[in-house]
Amino acid sequence: MDPETAKLFAIAIIMGAGAIFPALAIGWIGSKGADAIGRNPEAAPKVQTAMILAIAFAEAIAIYCLVVALILKFVV
């Protein structure tokens, strides 16, 4: 396998993992947040704030994967 093909496979794996795992995490966070709000509606503002913050961190991982893939594509 030549280096260019290996680089493209690495980019594909990084972007695949960077799309699938944060999406699963965001779905899990949303599900657990809705469950928590359903069990204790009075705590909804606190749960929602923590949930949005956790979703932002999970989304940041996807952006980091995109940056690494772009560095591999255009720099290495």
PDB file of N, CA and C in Angstrom:
ATOM      1  N   MET A   1       0.861  -1.168   0.000  1.00  0.00           N
ATOM      2  CA  MET A   1       0.000   0.000   0.000  1.00  0.00           C
ATOM      3  C   MET A   1       0.911   1.235   0.000  1.00  0.00           C
ATOM      4  N   ASP A   2       0.644   2.119  -0.926  1.00  0.00           N
ATOM      5  CA  ASP A   2       1.469   3.321  -1.002  1.00  0.00           C
ATOM      6  C   ASP A   2       1.061   4.321   0.089  1.00  0.00           C
ATOM      7  N   PRO A   3       1.928   5.263   0.421  1.00  0.00           N
ATOM      8  CA  PRO A   3       1.648   6.203   1.520  1.00  0.00           C
ATOM      9  C   PRO A   3       0.408   7.064   1.304  1.00  0.00           C
ATOM     10  N   GLU A   4       0.117   7.433   0.074  1.00  0.00           N
ATOM     11  CA  GLU A   4      -1.065   8.264  -0.194  1.00  0.00           C
ATOM     12  C   GLU A   4      -2.352   7.508   0.126  1.00  0.00           C
ATOM     13  N   THR A   5      -2.399   6.222  -0.225  1.00  0.00           N
ATOM     14  CA  THR A   5      -3.569   5.409   0.080  1.00  0.00           C
ATOM     15  C   THR A   5      -3.724   5.220   1.586  1.00  0.00           C
ATOM     16  N   ALA A   6      -2.613   4.988   2.270  1.00  0.00           N
ATOM     17  CA  ALA A   6      -2.660   4.847   3.726  1.00  0.00           C
ATOM     18  C   ALA A   6      -3.143   6.129   4.374  1.00  0.00           C
ATOM     19  N   LYS A   7      -2.716   7.270   3.846  1.00  0.00           N
ATOM     20  CA  LYS A   7      -3.155   8.554   4.385  1.00  0.00           C
ATOM     21  C   LYS A   7      -4.653   8.742   4.191  1.00  0.00           C
ATOM     22  N   LEU A   8      -5.168   8.362   3.047  1.00  0.00           N
ATOM     23  CA  LEU A   8      -6.602   8.497   2.792  1.00  0.00           C
ATOM     24  C   LEU A   8      -7.420   7.545   3.672  1.00  0.00           C
ATOM     25  N   PHE A   9      -6.904   6.342   3.912  1.00  0.00           N
ATOM     26  CA  PHE A   9      -7.590   5.431   4.832  1.00  0.00           C
ATOM     27  C   PHE A   9      -7.608   6.002   6.248  1.00  0.00           C
ATOM     28  N   ALA A  10      -6.497   6.588   6.682  1.00  0.00           N
ATOM     29  CA  ALA A  10      -6.440   7.198   8.011  1.00  0.00           C
ATOM     30  C   ALA A  10      -7.448   8.332   8.129  1.00  0.00           C
ATOM     31  N   ILE A  11      -7.552   9.148   7.088  1.00  0.00           N
ATOM     32  CA  ILE A  11      -8.520  10.249   7.086  1.00  0.00           C
ATOM     33  C   ILE A  11      -9.942   9.696   7.174  1.00  0.00           C
ATOM     34  N   ALA A  12     -10.219   8.631   6.428  1.00  0.00           N
ATOM     35  CA  ALA A  12     -11.559   8.034   6.445  1.00  0.00           C
ATOM     36  C   ALA A  12     -11.893   7.467   7.817  1.00  0.00           C
ATOM     37  N   ILE A  13     -10.928   6.812   8.454  1.00  0.00           N
ATOM     38  CA  ILE A  13     -11.175   6.244   9.783  1.00  0.00           C
ATOM     39  C   ILE A  13     -11.395   7.346  10.800  1.00  0.00           C
ATOM     40  N   ILE A  14     -10.581   8.393  10.754  1.00  0.00           N
ATOM     41  CA  ILE A  14     -10.732   9.504  11.696  1.00  0.00           C
ATOM     42  C   ILE A  14     -12.090  10.174  11.530  1.00  0.00           C
ATOM     43  N   MET A  15     -12.496  10.437  10.311  1.00  0.00           N
ATOM     44  CA  MET A  15     -13.780  11.111  10.093  1.00  0.00           C
ATOM     45  C   MET A  15     -14.948  10.196  10.430  1.00  0.00           C
ATOM     46  N   GLY A  16     -14.792   8.898  10.187  1.00  0.00           N
ATOM     47  CA  GLY A  16     -15.859   7.962  10.555  1.00  0.00           C
ATOM     48  C   GLY A  16     -16.062   7.911  12.060  1.00  0.00           C
ATOM     49  N   ALA A  17     -14.955   7.771  12.789  1.00  0.00           N
ATOM     50  CA  ALA A  17     -15.049   7.754  14.252  1.00  0.00           C
ATOM     51  C   ALA A  17     -15.487   9.110  14.781  1.00  0.00           C
ATOM     52  N   GLY A  18     -15.016  10.175  14.130  1.00  0.00           N
ATOM     53  CA  GLY A  18     -15.369  11.525  14.565  1.00  0.00           C
ATOM     54  C   GLY A  18     -16.807  11.891  14.289  1.00  0.00           C
ATOM     55  N   ALA A  19     -17.477  11.133  13.464  1.00  0.00           N
ATOM     56  CA  ALA A  19     -18.894  11.394  13.204  1.00  0.00           C
ATOM     57  C   ALA A  19     -19.793  10.457  14.014  1.00  0.00           C
ATOM     58  N   ILE A  20     -19.401   9.189  14.111  1.00  0.00           N
ATOM     59  CA  ILE A  20     -20.266   8.200  14.757  1.00  0.00           C
ATOM     60  C   ILE A  20     -20.292   8.352  16.278  1.00  0.00           C
ATOM     61  N   PHE A  21     -19.118   8.415  16.900  1.00  0.00           N
ATOM     62  CA  PHE A  21     -19.086   8.404  18.363  1.00  0.00           C
ATOM     63  C   PHE A  21     -19.655   9.669  19.003  1.00  0.00           C
ATOM     64  N   PRO A  22     -19.346  10.862  18.502  1.00  0.00           N
ATOM     65  CA  PRO A  22     -20.027  12.038  19.078  1.00  0.00           C
ATOM     66  C   PRO A  22     -21.537  12.015  18.847  1.00  0.00           C
ATOM     67  N   ALA A  23     -21.976  11.483  17.717  1.00  0.00           N
ATOM     68  CA  ALA A  23     -23.414  11.401  17.473  1.00  0.00           C
ATOM     69  C   ALA A  23     -24.077  10.457  18.476  1.00  0.00           C
ATOM     70  N   LEU A  24     -23.437   9.331  18.753  1.00  0.00           N
ATOM     71  CA  LEU A  24     -23.967   8.417  19.776  1.00  0.00           C
ATOM     72  C   LEU A  24     -23.970   9.077  21.151  1.00  0.00           C
ATOM     73  N   ALA A  25     -22.909   9.810  21.459  1.00  0.00           N
ATOM     74  CA  ALA A  25     -22.828  10.484  22.758  1.00  0.00           C
ATOM     75  C   ALA A  25     -23.913  11.542  22.900  1.00  0.00           C
ATOM     76  N   ILE A  26     -24.143  12.309  21.848  1.00  0.00           N
ATOM     77  CA  ILE A  26     -25.177  13.349  21.901  1.00  0.00           C
ATOM     78  C   ILE A  26     -26.554  12.721  22.069  1.00  0.00           C
ATOM     79  N   GLY A  27     -26.819  11.635  21.379  1.00  0.00           N
ATOM     80  CA  GLY A  27     -28.096  10.945  21.542  1.00  0.00           C
ATOM     81  C   GLY A  27     -28.270  10.393  22.937  1.00  0.00           C
ATOM     82  N   TRP A  28     -27.194   9.837  23.500  1.00  0.00           N
ATOM     83  CA  TRP A  28     -27.253   9.289  24.856  1.00  0.00           C
ATOM     84  C   TRP A  28     -27.466  10.405  25.882  1.00  0.00           C
ATOM     85  N   ILE A  29     -26.767  11.527  25.710  1.00  0.00           N
ATOM     86  CA  ILE A  29     -26.919  12.662  26.622  1.00  0.00           C
ATOM     87  C   ILE A  29     -28.343  13.207  26.557  1.00  0.00           C
ATOM     88  N   GLY A  30     -28.871  13.350  25.360  1.00  0.00           N
ATOM     89  CA  GLY A  30     -30.242  13.843  25.215  1.00  0.00           C
ATOM     90  C   GLY A  30     -31.254  12.901  25.827  1.00  0.00           C
ATOM     91  N   SER A  31     -31.053  11.610  25.649  1.00  0.00           N
ATOM     92  CA  SER A  31     -31.967  10.625  26.217  1.00  0.00           C
ATOM     93  C   SER A  31     -31.950  10.663  27.740  1.00  0.00           C
ATOM     94  N   LYS A  32     -30.761  10.689  28.317  1.00  0.00           N
ATOM     95  CA  LYS A  32     -30.650  10.709  29.776  1.00  0.00           C
ATOM     96  C   LYS A  32     -31.150  12.040  30.347  1.00  0.00           C
ATOM     97  N   GLY A  33     -30.917  13.132  29.612  1.00  0.00           N
ATOM     98  CA  GLY A  33     -31.423  14.426  30.076  1.00  0.00           C
ATOM     99  C   GLY A  33     -32.936  14.480  30.066  1.00  0.00           C
ATOM    100  N   ALA A  34     -33.557  13.966  29.020  1.00  0.00           N
ATOM    101  CA  ALA A  34     -35.013  13.934  28.958  1.00  0.00           C
ATOM    102  C   ALA A  34     -35.578  13.013  30.042  1.00  0.00           C
ATOM    103  N   ASP A  35     -34.889  11.913  30.300  1.00  0.00           N
ATOM    104  CA  ASP A  35     -35.311  11.006  31.363  1.00  0.00           C
ATOM    105  C   ASP A  35     -35.225  11.690  32.732  1.00  0.00           C
ATOM    106  N   ALA A  36     -34.142  12.431  32.949  1.00  0.00           N
ATOM    107  CA  ALA A  36     -33.978  13.126  34.231  1.00  0.00           C
ATOM    108  C   ALA A  36     -35.030  14.217  34.406  1.00  0.00           C
ATOM    109  N   ILE A  37     -35.325  14.937  33.350  1.00  0.00           N
ATOM    110  CA  ILE A  37     -36.353  15.989  33.427  1.00  0.00           C
ATOM    111  C   ILE A  37     -37.726  15.361  33.639  1.00  0.00           C
ATOM    112  N   GLY A  38     -37.957  14.215  33.022  1.00  0.00           N
ATOM    113  CA  GLY A  38     -39.234  13.524  33.221  1.00  0.00           C
ATOM    114  C   GLY A  38     -39.428  13.039  34.641  1.00  0.00           C
ATOM    115  N   ARG A  39     -38.347  12.656  35.289  1.00  0.00           N
ATOM    116  CA  ARG A  39     -38.448  12.170  36.662  1.00  0.00           C
ATOM    117  C   ARG A  39     -38.547  13.310  37.669  1.00  0.00           C
ATOM    118  N   ASN A  40     -37.890  14.440  37.356  1.00  0.00           N
ATOM    119  CA  ASN A  40     -37.881  15.550  38.297  1.00  0.00           C
ATOM    120  C   ASN A  40     -38.021  16.866  37.514  1.00  0.00           C
ATOM    121  N   PRO A  41     -39.242  17.248  37.159  1.00  0.00           N
ATOM    122  CA  PRO A  41     -39.437  18.444  36.334  1.00  0.00           C
ATOM    123  C   PRO A  41     -38.945  19.740  36.987  1.00  0.00           C
ATOM    124  N   GLU A  42     -38.878  19.780  38.322  1.00  0.00           N
ATOM    125  CA  GLU A  42     -38.423  20.998  38.983  1.00  0.00           C
ATOM    126  C   GLU A  42     -36.943  21.265  38.724  1.00  0.00           C
ATOM    127  N   ALA A  43     -36.188  20.240  38.423  1.00  0.00           N
ATOM    128  CA  ALA A  43     -34.752  20.379  38.184  1.00  0.00           C
ATOM    129  C   ALA A  43     -34.432  20.605  36.709  1.00  0.00           C
ATOM    130  N   ALA A  44     -35.439  20.881  35.895  1.00  0.00           N
ATOM    131  CA  ALA A  44     -35.242  21.013  34.449  1.00  0.00           C
ATOM    132  C   ALA A  44     -34.201  22.067  34.069  1.00  0.00           C
ATOM    133  N   PRO A  45     -34.201  23.259  34.664  1.00  0.00           N
ATOM    134  CA  PRO A  45     -33.185  24.243  34.244  1.00  0.00           C
ATOM    135  C   PRO A  45     -31.751  23.780  34.506  1.00  0.00           C
ATOM    136  N   LYS A  46     -31.508  23.150  35.653  1.00  0.00           N
ATOM    137  CA  LYS A  46     -30.163  22.664  35.955  1.00  0.00           C
ATOM    138  C   LYS A  46     -29.767  21.516  35.035  1.00  0.00           C
ATOM    139  N   VAL A  47     -30.689  20.607  34.806  1.00  0.00           N
ATOM    140  CA  VAL A  47     -30.403  19.465  33.940  1.00  0.00           C
ATOM    141  C   VAL A  47     -30.169  19.942  32.511  1.00  0.00           C
ATOM    142  N   GLN A  48     -30.986  20.878  32.046  1.00  0.00           N
ATOM    143  CA  GLN A  48     -30.852  21.367  30.682  1.00  0.00           C
ATOM    144  C   GLN A  48     -29.527  22.088  30.479  1.00  0.00           C
ATOM    145  N   THR A  49     -29.104  22.864  31.450  1.00  0.00           N
ATOM    146  CA  THR A  49     -27.819  23.565  31.338  1.00  0.00           C
ATOM    147  C   THR A  49     -26.671  22.572  31.259  1.00  0.00           C
ATOM    148  N   ALA A  50     -26.670  21.583  32.134  1.00  0.00           N
ATOM    149  CA  ALA A  50     -25.619  20.568  32.113  1.00  0.00           C
ATOM    150  C   ALA A  50     -25.661  19.750  30.827  1.00  0.00           C
ATOM    151  N   MET A  51     -26.859  19.481  30.340  1.00  0.00           N
ATOM    152  CA  MET A  51     -27.014  18.700  29.119  1.00  0.00           C
ATOM    153  C   MET A  51     -26.464  19.460  27.912  1.00  0.00           C
ATOM    154  N   ILE A  52     -26.765  20.730  27.809  1.00  0.00           N
ATOM    155  CA  ILE A  52     -26.278  21.528  26.682  1.00  0.00           C
ATOM    156  C   ILE A  52     -24.760  21.641  26.730  1.00  0.00           C
ATOM    157  N   LEU A  53     -24.206  21.804  27.912  1.00  0.00           N
ATOM    158  CA  LEU A  53     -22.758  21.876  28.053  1.00  0.00           C
ATOM    159  C   LEU A  53     -22.102  20.556  27.645  1.00  0.00           C
ATOM    160  N   ALA A  54     -22.668  19.443  28.052  1.00  0.00           N
ATOM    161  CA  ALA A  54     -22.118  18.135  27.681  1.00  0.00           C
ATOM    162  C   ALA A  54     -22.231  17.893  26.177  1.00  0.00           C
ATOM    163  N   ILE A  55     -23.312  18.323  25.578  1.00  0.00           N
ATOM    164  CA  ILE A  55     -23.468  18.183  24.124  1.00  0.00           C
ATOM    165  C   ILE A  55     -22.432  19.023  23.391  1.00  0.00           C
ATOM    166  N   ALA A  56     -22.145  20.210  23.906  1.00  0.00           N
ATOM    167  CA  ALA A  56     -21.126  21.058  23.280  1.00  0.00           C
ATOM    168  C   ALA A  56     -19.753  20.394  23.344  1.00  0.00           C
ATOM    169  N   PHE A  57     -19.440  19.759  24.470  1.00  0.00           N
ATOM    170  CA  PHE A  57     -18.152  19.063  24.578  1.00  0.00           C
ATOM    171  C   PHE A  57     -18.092  17.864  23.635  1.00  0.00           C
ATOM    172  N   ALA A  58     -19.168  17.139  23.496  1.00  0.00           N
ATOM    173  CA  ALA A  58     -19.193  16.002  22.573  1.00  0.00           C
ATOM    174  C   ALA A  58     -19.047  16.475  21.132  1.00  0.00           C
ATOM    175  N   GLU A  59     -19.659  17.589  20.814  1.00  0.00           N
ATOM    176  CA  GLU A  59     -19.544  18.135  19.462  1.00  0.00           C
ATOM    177  C   GLU A  59     -18.134  18.646  19.199  1.00  0.00           C
ATOM    178  N   ALA A  60     -17.465  19.129  20.225  1.00  0.00           N
ATOM    179  CA  ALA A  60     -16.086  19.599  20.065  1.00  0.00           C
ATOM    180  C   ALA A  60     -15.166  18.461  19.643  1.00  0.00           C
ATOM    181  N   ILE A  61     -15.446  17.251  20.112  1.00  0.00           N
ATOM    182  CA  ILE A  61     -14.631  16.109  19.712  1.00  0.00           C
ATOM    183  C   ILE A  61     -14.746  15.871  18.207  1.00  0.00           C
ATOM    184  N   ALA A  62     -15.947  16.029  17.673  1.00  0.00           N
ATOM    185  CA  ALA A  62     -16.132  15.871  16.226  1.00  0.00           C
ATOM    186  C   ALA A  62     -15.362  16.947  15.460  1.00  0.00           C
ATOM    187  N   ILE A  63     -15.337  18.145  15.988  1.00  0.00           N
ATOM    188  CA  ILE A  63     -14.596  19.230  15.324  1.00  0.00           C
ATOM    189  C   ILE A  63     -13.094  18.960  15.387  1.00  0.00           C
ATOM    190  N   TYR A  64     -12.610  18.424  16.524  1.00  0.00           N
ATOM    191  CA  TYR A  64     -11.193  18.071  16.617  1.00  0.00           C
ATOM    192  C   TYR A  64     -10.829  17.000  15.591  1.00  0.00           C
ATOM    193  N   CYS A  65     -11.694  16.031  15.399  1.00  0.00           N
ATOM    194  CA  CYS A  65     -11.443  14.991  14.390  1.00  0.00           C
ATOM    195  C   CYS A  65     -11.394  15.587  12.990  1.00  0.00           C
ATOM    196  N   LEU A  66     -12.266  16.551  12.724  1.00  0.00           N
ATOM    197  CA  LEU A  66     -12.239  17.221  11.429  1.00  0.00           C
ATOM    198  C   LEU A  66     -10.931  17.967  11.231  1.00  0.00           C
ATOM    199  N   VAL A  67     -10.456  18.640  12.256  1.00  0.00           N
ATOM    200  CA  VAL A  67      -9.190  19.379  12.160  1.00  0.00           C
ATOM    201  C   VAL A  67      -8.030  18.425  11.911  1.00  0.00           C
ATOM    202  N   VAL A  68      -7.994  17.307  12.624  1.00  0.00           N
ATOM    203  CA  VAL A  68      -6.928  16.327  12.414  1.00  0.00           C
ATOM    204  C   VAL A  68      -6.990  15.764  10.997  1.00  0.00           C
ATOM    205  N   ALA A  69      -8.173  15.492  10.506  1.00  0.00           N
ATOM    206  CA  ALA A  69      -8.299  14.972   9.134  1.00  0.00           C
ATOM    207  C   ALA A  69      -7.844  16.009   8.110  1.00  0.00           C
ATOM    208  N   LEU A  70      -8.176  17.268   8.328  1.00  0.00           N
ATOM    209  CA  LEU A  70      -7.720  18.301   7.396  1.00  0.00           C
ATOM    210  C   LEU A  70      -6.213  18.485   7.456  1.00  0.00           C
ATOM    211  N   ILE A  71      -5.636  18.373   8.637  1.00  0.00           N
ATOM    212  CA  ILE A  71      -4.165  18.446   8.740  1.00  0.00           C
ATOM    213  C   ILE A  71      -3.528  17.287   7.992  1.00  0.00           C
ATOM    214  N   LEU A  72      -4.072  16.089   8.154  1.00  0.00           N
ATOM    215  CA  LEU A  72      -3.537  14.945   7.414  1.00  0.00           C
ATOM    216  C   LEU A  72      -3.673  15.137   5.906  1.00  0.00           C
ATOM    217  N   LYS A  73      -4.789  15.686   5.488  1.00  0.00           N
ATOM    218  CA  LYS A  73      -5.056  15.840   4.064  1.00  0.00           C
ATOM    219  C   LYS A  73      -4.145  16.875   3.410  1.00  0.00           C
ATOM    220  N   PHE A  74      -3.978  18.010   4.075  1.00  0.00           N
ATOM    221  CA  PHE A  74      -3.313  19.124   3.398  1.00  0.00           C
ATOM    222  C   PHE A  74      -1.887  19.415   3.879  1.00  0.00           C
ATOM    223  N   VAL A  75      -1.477  18.896   5.030  1.00  0.00           N
ATOM    224  CA  VAL A  75      -0.149  19.223   5.548  1.00  0.00           C
ATOM    225  C   VAL A  75       0.810  18.048   5.436  1.00  0.00           C
ATOM    226  N   VAL A  76       0.350  16.877   5.834  1.00  0.00           N
ATOM    227  CA  VAL A  76       1.268  15.713   5.853  1.00  0.00           C
ATOM    228  C   VAL A  76       1.400  15.142   4.472  1.00  0.00           C
TER     229      VAL A  76
END
